[in-house]
């Protein structure tokens, strides 16, 4: 099953609140909204991707819990980016002080770009679409992003103001100065 894109722009421009309500009324579906207002409906992943994603999210959460300066998020979290897209990366991390500065409603989408995101490619994803999403994250303030393709044993690293770095079969990834001392062990993920 592939991703479905609905262009409702000629019929209705959903506000952030209307889009949130659409997501709440259809909890069995995963939605994102592009900056141009297209609604993206994504299918559930296979069990292999789901297992890799929980390993990734757990490792990030355990590290964030120890560092106590940040909050980790899983793929069910919606982020309202500055360009008005609403995206749900497979894993994300935000400095706690950034969240506290805006005091957002915890029951709504988080109205900021994460500091760090990960997209884990699944069978239904197209590489070009994920690469475009990663560029969008960086253009909207994400400081570090990893695009992980387990099938090809391939990782792309996205950073502010730098060219994309491609790695073949890495065993670990460094959080660099964005996530100090975080090293992701890719065993069972890649």
N, C-alpha and C. Protein backbone atom coordinates (compact mmCIF):
# COMPACT_ATOMS: atom_id res chain seq x y z
N UNK A 1 0.84 -1.18 0.00
CA UNK A 1 0.00 0.00 0.00
C UNK A 1 0.88 1.24 0.00
N UNK A 2 0.56 2.20 -0.83
CA UNK A 2 1.33 3.42 -0.94
C UNK A 2 0.68 4.57 -0.20
N UNK A 3 1.46 5.62 -0.04
CA UNK A 3 0.97 6.85 0.55
C UNK A 3 -0.04 7.49 -0.39
N UNK A 4 -1.06 8.11 0.18
CA UNK A 4 -2.08 8.80 -0.60
C UNK A 4 -2.00 10.29 -0.28
N UNK A 5 -2.04 11.13 -1.32
CA UNK A 5 -2.02 12.58 -1.14
C UNK A 5 -3.35 13.15 -1.62
N UNK A 6 -4.03 13.86 -0.76
CA UNK A 6 -5.29 14.50 -1.10
C UNK A 6 -5.08 16.00 -1.22
N UNK A 7 -5.43 16.57 -2.37
CA UNK A 7 -5.33 18.01 -2.55
C UNK A 7 -6.72 18.60 -2.39
N UNK A 8 -7.01 19.06 -1.21
CA UNK A 8 -8.33 19.64 -0.90
C UNK A 8 -8.31 21.16 -1.00
N UNK A 9 -7.17 21.71 -1.43
CA UNK A 9 -6.98 23.16 -1.42
C UNK A 9 -8.07 23.91 -2.18
N UNK A 10 -8.55 23.35 -3.28
CA UNK A 10 -9.58 24.05 -4.06
C UNK A 10 -10.95 23.99 -3.38
N UNK A 11 -11.09 23.08 -2.40
CA UNK A 11 -12.37 22.92 -1.70
C UNK A 11 -12.34 23.59 -0.34
N UNK A 12 -11.25 23.35 0.41
CA UNK A 12 -11.16 23.87 1.77
C UNK A 12 -9.71 24.00 2.19
N UNK A 13 -9.41 25.04 2.93
CA UNK A 13 -8.10 25.19 3.58
C UNK A 13 -8.31 24.90 5.06
N UNK A 14 -7.83 23.74 5.48
CA UNK A 14 -8.00 23.36 6.87
C UNK A 14 -7.09 24.18 7.77
N UNK A 15 -7.65 24.72 8.84
CA UNK A 15 -6.83 25.38 9.84
C UNK A 15 -6.07 24.31 10.61
N UNK A 16 -5.10 24.73 11.41
CA UNK A 16 -4.38 23.77 12.24
C UNK A 16 -5.34 23.01 13.15
N UNK A 17 -6.30 23.71 13.71
CA UNK A 17 -7.27 23.08 14.60
C UNK A 17 -8.17 22.10 13.85
N UNK A 18 -8.63 22.46 12.65
CA UNK A 18 -9.45 21.54 11.86
C UNK A 18 -8.66 20.30 11.46
N UNK A 19 -7.40 20.48 11.11
CA UNK A 19 -6.56 19.33 10.76
C UNK A 19 -6.36 18.45 12.00
N UNK A 20 -6.14 19.06 13.14
CA UNK A 20 -6.00 18.30 14.39
C UNK A 20 -7.26 17.47 14.64
N UNK A 21 -8.43 18.08 14.47
CA UNK A 21 -9.69 17.37 14.69
C UNK A 21 -9.87 16.23 13.68
N UNK A 22 -9.47 16.44 12.43
CA UNK A 22 -9.51 15.38 11.42
C UNK A 22 -8.67 14.19 11.90
N UNK A 23 -7.48 14.46 12.42
CA UNK A 23 -6.61 13.40 12.92
C UNK A 23 -7.24 12.69 14.12
N UNK A 24 -7.87 13.45 15.01
CA UNK A 24 -8.48 12.87 16.20
C UNK A 24 -9.68 11.99 15.85
N UNK A 25 -10.42 12.37 14.83
CA UNK A 25 -11.60 11.61 14.42
C UNK A 25 -11.26 10.37 13.61
N UNK A 26 -10.00 10.28 13.18
CA UNK A 26 -9.55 9.15 12.35
C UNK A 26 -8.25 8.58 12.90
N UNK A 27 -8.28 8.18 14.15
CA UNK A 27 -7.06 7.75 14.85
C UNK A 27 -6.41 6.50 14.26
N UNK A 28 -7.13 5.74 13.46
CA UNK A 28 -6.53 4.55 12.84
C UNK A 28 -5.69 4.90 11.61
N UNK A 29 -5.72 6.16 11.20
CA UNK A 29 -4.94 6.61 10.06
C UNK A 29 -3.84 7.55 10.53
N UNK A 30 -2.76 7.60 9.78
CA UNK A 30 -1.69 8.55 10.09
C UNK A 30 -1.67 9.61 9.01
N UNK A 31 -1.82 10.87 9.43
CA UNK A 31 -1.88 11.99 8.51
C UNK A 31 -0.68 12.92 8.70
N UNK A 32 -0.30 13.58 7.61
CA UNK A 32 0.56 14.74 7.66
C UNK A 32 -0.05 15.76 6.71
N UNK A 33 0.33 17.03 6.88
CA UNK A 33 -0.12 18.08 5.97
C UNK A 33 1.11 18.79 5.43
N UNK A 34 1.16 18.95 4.10
CA UNK A 34 2.29 19.65 3.50
C UNK A 34 2.11 21.15 3.67
N UNK A 35 3.16 21.90 3.35
CA UNK A 35 3.11 23.36 3.43
C UNK A 35 2.08 23.94 2.48
N UNK A 36 1.76 23.21 1.38
CA UNK A 36 0.77 23.69 0.42
C UNK A 36 -0.65 23.24 0.76
N UNK A 37 -0.80 22.52 1.87
CA UNK A 37 -2.13 22.11 2.31
C UNK A 37 -2.56 20.72 1.89
N UNK A 38 -1.73 20.00 1.14
CA UNK A 38 -2.08 18.62 0.78
C UNK A 38 -2.10 17.76 2.03
N UNK A 39 -3.10 16.88 2.10
CA UNK A 39 -3.21 15.93 3.20
C UNK A 39 -2.57 14.62 2.75
N UNK A 40 -1.58 14.15 3.50
CA UNK A 40 -0.89 12.91 3.20
C UNK A 40 -1.41 11.84 4.16
N UNK A 41 -1.87 10.72 3.61
CA UNK A 41 -2.34 9.59 4.41
C UNK A 41 -1.33 8.47 4.22
N UNK A 42 -0.76 8.03 5.32
CA UNK A 42 0.29 7.01 5.27
C UNK A 42 -0.23 5.69 5.81
N UNK A 43 0.10 4.60 5.13
CA UNK A 43 -0.36 3.29 5.60
C UNK A 43 0.44 2.85 6.82
N UNK A 44 -0.09 1.90 7.58
CA UNK A 44 0.70 1.33 8.67
C UNK A 44 1.92 0.64 8.08
N UNK A 45 2.95 0.50 8.90
CA UNK A 45 4.15 -0.17 8.42
C UNK A 45 4.06 -1.67 8.68
N UNK A 46 4.96 -2.40 8.06
CA UNK A 46 5.09 -3.83 8.35
C UNK A 46 5.73 -4.01 9.72
N UNK A 47 5.69 -5.24 10.20
CA UNK A 47 6.20 -5.49 11.55
C UNK A 47 7.70 -5.26 11.66
N UNK A 48 8.46 -5.47 10.58
CA UNK A 48 9.91 -5.25 10.63
C UNK A 48 10.23 -3.79 10.86
N UNK A 49 9.55 -2.90 10.12
CA UNK A 49 9.75 -1.47 10.31
C UNK A 49 9.29 -1.05 11.69
N UNK A 50 8.15 -1.56 12.13
CA UNK A 50 7.65 -1.23 13.46
C UNK A 50 8.64 -1.62 14.55
N UNK A 51 9.27 -2.77 14.40
CA UNK A 51 10.25 -3.22 15.38
C UNK A 51 11.51 -2.34 15.35
N UNK A 52 11.98 -1.98 14.16
CA UNK A 52 13.14 -1.09 14.06
C UNK A 52 12.82 0.27 14.66
N UNK A 53 11.60 0.76 14.40
CA UNK A 53 11.21 2.07 14.89
C UNK A 53 11.13 2.11 16.42
N UNK A 54 10.62 1.05 17.04
CA UNK A 54 10.55 1.05 18.50
C UNK A 54 11.95 1.00 19.10
N UNK A 55 12.87 0.28 18.47
CA UNK A 55 14.26 0.26 18.95
C UNK A 55 14.87 1.64 18.87
N UNK A 56 14.66 2.30 17.74
CA UNK A 56 15.18 3.65 17.55
C UNK A 56 14.61 4.62 18.58
N UNK A 57 13.29 4.62 18.72
CA UNK A 57 12.63 5.53 19.67
C UNK A 57 13.05 5.25 21.11
N UNK A 58 13.17 3.98 21.46
CA UNK A 58 13.55 3.62 22.82
C UNK A 58 14.96 4.10 23.12
N UNK A 59 15.88 3.89 22.21
CA UNK A 59 17.26 4.32 22.44
C UNK A 59 17.35 5.83 22.59
N UNK A 60 16.59 6.56 21.78
CA UNK A 60 16.57 8.02 21.90
C UNK A 60 15.94 8.44 23.22
N UNK A 61 14.85 7.84 23.61
CA UNK A 61 14.17 8.18 24.87
C UNK A 61 15.05 7.90 26.08
N UNK A 62 15.71 6.76 26.10
CA UNK A 62 16.58 6.43 27.23
C UNK A 62 17.71 7.44 27.38
N UNK A 63 18.27 7.87 26.25
CA UNK A 63 19.31 8.89 26.31
C UNK A 63 18.74 10.23 26.77
N UNK A 64 17.60 10.63 26.22
CA UNK A 64 16.99 11.92 26.59
C UNK A 64 16.63 11.94 28.08
N UNK A 65 16.19 10.82 28.59
CA UNK A 65 15.84 10.73 30.01
C UNK A 65 17.08 10.98 30.88
N UNK A 66 18.22 10.49 30.44
CA UNK A 66 19.47 10.68 31.20
C UNK A 66 19.98 12.11 31.07
N UNK A 67 19.84 12.71 29.89
CA UNK A 67 20.42 14.04 29.70
C UNK A 67 19.61 15.13 30.40
N UNK A 68 18.32 14.91 30.58
CA UNK A 68 17.41 15.78 31.34
C UNK A 68 17.32 17.21 30.80
N UNK A 69 17.81 17.46 29.59
CA UNK A 69 17.65 18.79 29.00
C UNK A 69 16.71 18.76 27.80
N UNK A 70 16.15 17.57 27.52
CA UNK A 70 15.38 17.43 26.30
C UNK A 70 14.23 16.47 26.48
N UNK A 71 13.40 16.41 25.43
CA UNK A 71 12.27 15.49 25.40
C UNK A 71 12.32 14.77 24.05
N UNK A 72 12.17 13.46 24.08
CA UNK A 72 12.14 12.64 22.86
C UNK A 72 10.69 12.36 22.49
N UNK A 73 10.44 12.17 21.20
CA UNK A 73 9.10 11.94 20.68
C UNK A 73 9.10 10.78 19.71
N UNK A 74 7.97 10.06 19.65
CA UNK A 74 7.84 8.97 18.69
C UNK A 74 7.07 9.43 17.47
N UNK A 75 6.76 8.50 16.59
CA UNK A 75 6.16 8.82 15.30
C UNK A 75 4.71 9.29 15.36
N UNK A 76 4.10 9.25 16.52
CA UNK A 76 2.71 9.70 16.61
C UNK A 76 2.60 11.20 16.92
N UNK A 77 3.72 11.88 17.08
CA UNK A 77 3.72 13.30 17.44
C UNK A 77 3.69 14.19 16.21
N UNK A 78 2.77 15.14 16.20
CA UNK A 78 2.69 16.11 15.11
C UNK A 78 3.43 17.39 15.49
N UNK A 79 4.22 17.90 14.56
CA UNK A 79 4.95 19.16 14.73
C UNK A 79 4.47 20.14 13.67
N UNK A 80 4.08 21.33 14.09
CA UNK A 80 3.70 22.38 13.14
C UNK A 80 4.97 23.15 12.81
N UNK A 81 5.44 23.00 11.59
CA UNK A 81 6.67 23.66 11.16
C UNK A 81 6.39 25.12 10.80
N UNK A 82 7.42 25.97 10.78
CA UNK A 82 7.21 27.37 10.42
C UNK A 82 6.54 27.58 9.06
N UNK A 83 6.73 26.65 8.11
CA UNK A 83 6.09 26.80 6.80
C UNK A 83 4.63 26.33 6.80
N UNK A 84 4.12 25.96 7.98
CA UNK A 84 2.72 25.52 8.21
C UNK A 84 2.48 24.05 7.87
N UNK A 85 3.50 23.34 7.42
CA UNK A 85 3.36 21.89 7.27
C UNK A 85 3.22 21.28 8.66
N UNK A 86 2.49 20.18 8.75
CA UNK A 86 2.40 19.43 10.00
C UNK A 86 2.98 18.05 9.71
N UNK A 87 4.11 17.76 10.33
CA UNK A 87 4.86 16.54 10.05
C UNK A 87 5.01 15.70 11.31
N UNK A 88 5.16 14.40 11.10
CA UNK A 88 5.36 13.43 12.19
C UNK A 88 6.57 12.57 11.88
N UNK A 89 7.77 13.02 12.26
CA UNK A 89 8.95 12.19 12.00
C UNK A 89 8.87 10.89 12.81
N UNK A 90 9.62 9.89 12.38
CA UNK A 90 9.60 8.61 13.08
C UNK A 90 10.14 8.72 14.50
N UNK A 91 11.08 9.62 14.71
CA UNK A 91 11.58 9.94 16.05
C UNK A 91 12.05 11.39 16.00
N UNK A 92 11.94 12.07 17.13
CA UNK A 92 12.35 13.47 17.19
C UNK A 92 12.82 13.80 18.60
N UNK A 93 13.53 14.91 18.70
CA UNK A 93 14.10 15.37 19.96
C UNK A 93 14.05 16.88 19.99
N UNK A 94 13.64 17.43 21.13
CA UNK A 94 13.56 18.89 21.28
C UNK A 94 14.13 19.27 22.64
N UNK A 95 14.90 20.34 22.65
CA UNK A 95 15.40 20.86 23.93
C UNK A 95 14.21 21.31 24.78
N UNK A 96 14.22 20.91 26.02
CA UNK A 96 13.13 21.20 26.95
C UNK A 96 12.89 22.72 27.09
N UNK A 97 13.95 23.52 27.11
CA UNK A 97 13.78 24.97 27.29
C UNK A 97 13.02 25.60 26.13
N UNK A 98 13.13 25.04 24.92
CA UNK A 98 12.37 25.57 23.77
C UNK A 98 10.88 25.33 23.96
N UNK A 99 10.54 24.16 24.49
CA UNK A 99 9.13 23.84 24.72
C UNK A 99 8.58 24.70 25.85
N UNK A 100 9.34 24.81 26.93
CA UNK A 100 8.90 25.61 28.07
C UNK A 100 8.72 27.08 27.71
N UNK A 101 9.51 27.59 26.77
CA UNK A 101 9.43 29.00 26.37
C UNK A 101 8.11 29.34 25.69
N UNK A 102 7.49 28.35 25.04
CA UNK A 102 6.22 28.63 24.35
C UNK A 102 5.02 28.06 25.11
N UNK A 103 5.27 27.20 26.10
CA UNK A 103 4.22 26.63 26.94
C UNK A 103 3.02 26.11 26.12
N UNK A 104 3.26 25.17 25.21
CA UNK A 104 2.17 24.69 24.34
C UNK A 104 1.23 23.72 25.07
N UNK A 105 0.04 23.59 24.52
CA UNK A 105 -0.93 22.62 25.03
C UNK A 105 -0.41 21.21 24.72
N UNK A 106 -0.19 20.36 25.74
CA UNK A 106 0.36 19.03 25.49
C UNK A 106 -0.58 18.09 24.75
N UNK A 107 -1.84 18.47 24.61
CA UNK A 107 -2.81 17.64 23.90
C UNK A 107 -2.94 18.02 22.43
N UNK A 108 -2.15 18.98 21.98
CA UNK A 108 -2.20 19.45 20.59
C UNK A 108 -0.86 19.19 19.91
N UNK A 109 -0.78 19.50 18.62
CA UNK A 109 0.48 19.39 17.91
C UNK A 109 1.46 20.41 18.48
N UNK A 110 2.74 20.08 18.45
CA UNK A 110 3.77 20.97 18.97
C UNK A 110 4.13 22.00 17.91
N UNK A 111 3.90 23.30 18.19
CA UNK A 111 4.10 24.33 17.17
C UNK A 111 5.55 24.81 17.05
N UNK A 112 6.43 23.89 16.71
CA UNK A 112 7.82 24.24 16.45
C UNK A 112 8.50 23.09 15.71
N UNK A 113 9.63 23.39 15.11
CA UNK A 113 10.42 22.35 14.45
C UNK A 113 11.31 21.69 15.49
N UNK A 114 11.40 20.37 15.48
CA UNK A 114 12.31 19.70 16.42
C UNK A 114 13.76 20.13 16.16
N UNK A 115 14.62 19.89 17.14
CA UNK A 115 16.05 20.11 16.95
C UNK A 115 16.65 18.98 16.12
N UNK A 116 16.07 17.79 16.26
CA UNK A 116 16.62 16.58 15.65
C UNK A 116 15.46 15.70 15.21
N UNK A 117 15.59 15.09 14.01
CA UNK A 117 14.57 14.16 13.51
C UNK A 117 15.22 12.94 12.88
N UNK A 118 14.45 11.85 12.88
CA UNK A 118 14.86 10.64 12.16
C UNK A 118 13.67 10.18 11.33
N UNK A 119 13.94 9.84 10.09
CA UNK A 119 12.96 9.17 9.24
C UNK A 119 13.54 7.79 8.92
N UNK A 120 12.76 6.77 9.19
CA UNK A 120 13.14 5.38 8.96
C UNK A 120 12.34 4.88 7.77
N UNK A 121 13.02 4.61 6.68
CA UNK A 121 12.36 4.22 5.44
C UNK A 121 11.67 2.87 5.58
N UNK A 122 10.42 2.79 5.11
CA UNK A 122 9.68 1.53 5.10
C UNK A 122 9.37 1.16 3.65
N UNK A 123 8.80 -0.01 3.45
CA UNK A 123 8.52 -0.52 2.10
C UNK A 123 7.59 0.40 1.31
N UNK A 124 6.71 1.13 1.99
CA UNK A 124 5.76 1.99 1.28
C UNK A 124 6.32 3.38 0.98
N UNK A 125 7.52 3.69 1.47
CA UNK A 125 8.12 5.01 1.26
C UNK A 125 8.89 5.08 -0.05
N UNK A 126 8.90 6.25 -0.64
CA UNK A 126 9.74 6.53 -1.80
C UNK A 126 10.91 7.38 -1.31
N UNK A 127 12.12 7.01 -1.69
CA UNK A 127 13.32 7.72 -1.23
C UNK A 127 13.24 9.21 -1.55
N UNK A 128 12.80 9.56 -2.76
CA UNK A 128 12.73 10.97 -3.15
C UNK A 128 11.79 11.76 -2.24
N UNK A 129 10.68 11.15 -1.83
CA UNK A 129 9.74 11.83 -0.94
C UNK A 129 10.36 12.07 0.44
N UNK A 130 11.07 11.07 0.95
CA UNK A 130 11.71 11.24 2.26
C UNK A 130 12.85 12.24 2.20
N UNK A 131 13.60 12.24 1.10
CA UNK A 131 14.66 13.23 0.96
C UNK A 131 14.08 14.65 0.92
N UNK A 132 12.96 14.83 0.24
CA UNK A 132 12.31 16.14 0.20
C UNK A 132 11.83 16.53 1.60
N UNK A 133 11.30 15.57 2.34
CA UNK A 133 10.84 15.84 3.70
C UNK A 133 12.02 16.23 4.60
N UNK A 134 13.15 15.56 4.43
CA UNK A 134 14.34 15.89 5.22
C UNK A 134 14.82 17.31 4.90
N UNK A 135 14.82 17.68 3.63
CA UNK A 135 15.20 19.05 3.26
C UNK A 135 14.23 20.06 3.87
N UNK A 136 12.94 19.71 3.86
CA UNK A 136 11.94 20.59 4.47
C UNK A 136 12.22 20.78 5.96
N UNK A 137 12.53 19.70 6.65
CA UNK A 137 12.87 19.81 8.08
C UNK A 137 14.01 20.80 8.29
N UNK A 138 15.10 20.62 7.53
CA UNK A 138 16.28 21.47 7.70
C UNK A 138 15.94 22.93 7.36
N UNK A 139 15.18 23.16 6.30
CA UNK A 139 14.78 24.52 5.91
C UNK A 139 13.90 25.18 6.96
N UNK A 140 13.27 24.39 7.80
CA UNK A 140 12.37 24.92 8.82
C UNK A 140 12.96 24.91 10.22
N UNK A 141 14.26 24.71 10.33
CA UNK A 141 14.93 24.88 11.62
C UNK A 141 15.46 23.63 12.29
N UNK A 142 15.18 22.44 11.76
CA UNK A 142 15.76 21.23 12.34
C UNK A 142 17.27 21.32 12.15
N UNK A 143 18.02 21.02 13.20
CA UNK A 143 19.47 21.19 13.15
C UNK A 143 20.21 19.95 12.68
N UNK A 144 19.63 18.76 12.92
CA UNK A 144 20.26 17.51 12.53
C UNK A 144 19.17 16.51 12.19
N UNK A 145 19.36 15.78 11.09
CA UNK A 145 18.39 14.77 10.70
C UNK A 145 19.06 13.56 10.08
N UNK A 146 18.49 12.41 10.37
CA UNK A 146 18.98 11.15 9.80
C UNK A 146 17.88 10.50 9.00
N UNK A 147 18.18 10.13 7.78
CA UNK A 147 17.29 9.34 6.94
C UNK A 147 17.92 7.96 6.86
N UNK A 148 17.25 6.97 7.42
CA UNK A 148 17.79 5.61 7.52
C UNK A 148 17.02 4.69 6.59
N UNK A 149 17.76 4.02 5.70
CA UNK A 149 17.18 3.05 4.77
C UNK A 149 17.72 1.67 5.11
N UNK A 150 16.99 0.88 5.92
CA UNK A 150 17.48 -0.43 6.34
C UNK A 150 17.69 -1.41 5.18
N UNK A 151 16.84 -1.34 4.18
CA UNK A 151 16.95 -2.28 3.05
C UNK A 151 18.27 -2.11 2.30
N UNK A 152 18.66 -0.87 2.09
CA UNK A 152 19.90 -0.58 1.36
C UNK A 152 21.11 -0.43 2.31
N UNK A 153 20.86 -0.53 3.64
CA UNK A 153 21.93 -0.36 4.62
C UNK A 153 22.61 1.00 4.44
N UNK A 154 21.77 2.03 4.34
CA UNK A 154 22.20 3.35 3.91
C UNK A 154 21.63 4.42 4.83
N UNK A 155 22.45 5.44 5.13
CA UNK A 155 22.01 6.56 5.97
C UNK A 155 22.41 7.86 5.30
N UNK A 156 21.52 8.83 5.31
CA UNK A 156 21.84 10.19 4.90
C UNK A 156 21.75 11.07 6.13
N UNK A 157 22.76 11.93 6.31
CA UNK A 157 22.79 12.85 7.44
C UNK A 157 22.58 14.26 6.91
N UNK A 158 21.59 14.94 7.46
CA UNK A 158 21.23 16.30 7.07
C UNK A 158 21.60 17.24 8.22
N UNK A 159 22.27 18.35 7.86
CA UNK A 159 22.69 19.34 8.85
C UNK A 159 22.44 20.74 8.29
N UNK A 160 22.26 21.69 9.19
CA UNK A 160 22.09 23.08 8.78
C UNK A 160 23.32 23.56 8.03
N UNK A 161 23.14 24.16 6.85
CA UNK A 161 24.21 24.80 6.11
C UNK A 161 25.27 23.88 5.54
N UNK A 162 25.00 22.59 5.47
CA UNK A 162 26.00 21.65 4.95
C UNK A 162 25.38 20.72 3.93
N UNK A 163 26.23 20.13 3.11
CA UNK A 163 25.79 19.13 2.15
C UNK A 163 25.36 17.87 2.87
N UNK A 164 24.48 17.12 2.26
CA UNK A 164 24.03 15.85 2.81
C UNK A 164 25.21 14.87 2.79
N UNK A 165 25.39 14.18 3.91
CA UNK A 165 26.44 13.16 4.00
C UNK A 165 25.80 11.79 3.88
N UNK A 166 26.34 10.94 3.01
CA UNK A 166 25.81 9.60 2.80
C UNK A 166 26.78 8.58 3.39
N UNK A 167 26.22 7.61 4.14
CA UNK A 167 27.02 6.56 4.76
C UNK A 167 26.45 5.20 4.36
N UNK A 168 27.33 4.28 4.02
CA UNK A 168 26.92 2.92 3.68
C UNK A 168 27.30 1.99 4.83
N UNK A 169 26.32 1.32 5.38
CA UNK A 169 26.48 0.33 6.45
C UNK A 169 27.20 0.83 7.71
N UNK A 170 26.83 2.01 8.22
CA UNK A 170 27.46 2.43 9.48
C UNK A 170 26.96 1.56 10.63
N UNK A 171 27.75 1.44 11.68
CA UNK A 171 27.32 0.67 12.86
C UNK A 171 26.75 1.58 13.94
N UNK A 172 27.15 2.86 13.91
CA UNK A 172 26.64 3.84 14.87
C UNK A 172 26.46 5.18 14.17
N UNK A 173 25.67 6.05 14.78
CA UNK A 173 25.53 7.43 14.33
C UNK A 173 25.71 8.33 15.54
N UNK A 174 26.39 9.45 15.34
CA UNK A 174 26.67 10.39 16.42
C UNK A 174 25.66 11.54 16.41
N UNK A 175 25.22 11.91 17.59
CA UNK A 175 24.35 13.07 17.73
C UNK A 175 25.11 14.38 17.62
N UNK A 176 26.41 14.28 17.46
CA UNK A 176 27.29 15.44 17.26
C UNK A 176 27.09 16.46 18.37
N UNK A 177 27.16 17.74 18.05
CA UNK A 177 26.99 18.76 19.09
C UNK A 177 25.51 19.11 19.31
N UNK A 178 24.63 18.54 18.52
CA UNK A 178 23.19 18.78 18.69
C UNK A 178 22.65 17.94 19.84
N UNK A 179 22.99 16.67 19.86
CA UNK A 179 22.63 15.74 20.94
C UNK A 179 23.95 15.28 21.57
N UNK A 180 24.53 16.09 22.43
CA UNK A 180 25.87 15.78 22.96
C UNK A 180 25.93 14.40 23.61
N UNK A 181 26.92 13.65 23.22
CA UNK A 181 27.21 12.31 23.78
C UNK A 181 26.20 11.24 23.37
N UNK A 182 25.25 11.56 22.49
CA UNK A 182 24.33 10.53 22.02
C UNK A 182 24.95 9.79 20.85
N UNK A 183 25.04 8.49 20.97
CA UNK A 183 25.51 7.64 19.90
C UNK A 183 24.46 6.55 19.71
N UNK A 184 23.89 6.51 18.53
CA UNK A 184 22.86 5.51 18.23
C UNK A 184 23.52 4.25 17.71
N UNK A 185 23.36 3.16 18.44
CA UNK A 185 23.79 1.84 17.99
C UNK A 185 22.77 1.37 16.96
N UNK A 186 23.19 1.11 15.74
CA UNK A 186 22.29 0.74 14.67
C UNK A 186 21.99 -0.75 14.60
N UNK A 187 22.51 -1.53 15.55
CA UNK A 187 22.23 -2.96 15.57
C UNK A 187 20.72 -3.17 15.72
N UNK A 188 20.15 -3.95 14.82
CA UNK A 188 18.72 -4.22 14.84
C UNK A 188 17.88 -3.15 14.17
N UNK A 189 18.51 -2.04 13.78
CA UNK A 189 17.79 -0.96 13.09
C UNK A 189 18.17 -0.95 11.61
N UNK A 190 19.48 -1.07 11.36
CA UNK A 190 19.97 -1.01 9.98
C UNK A 190 20.21 -2.41 9.45
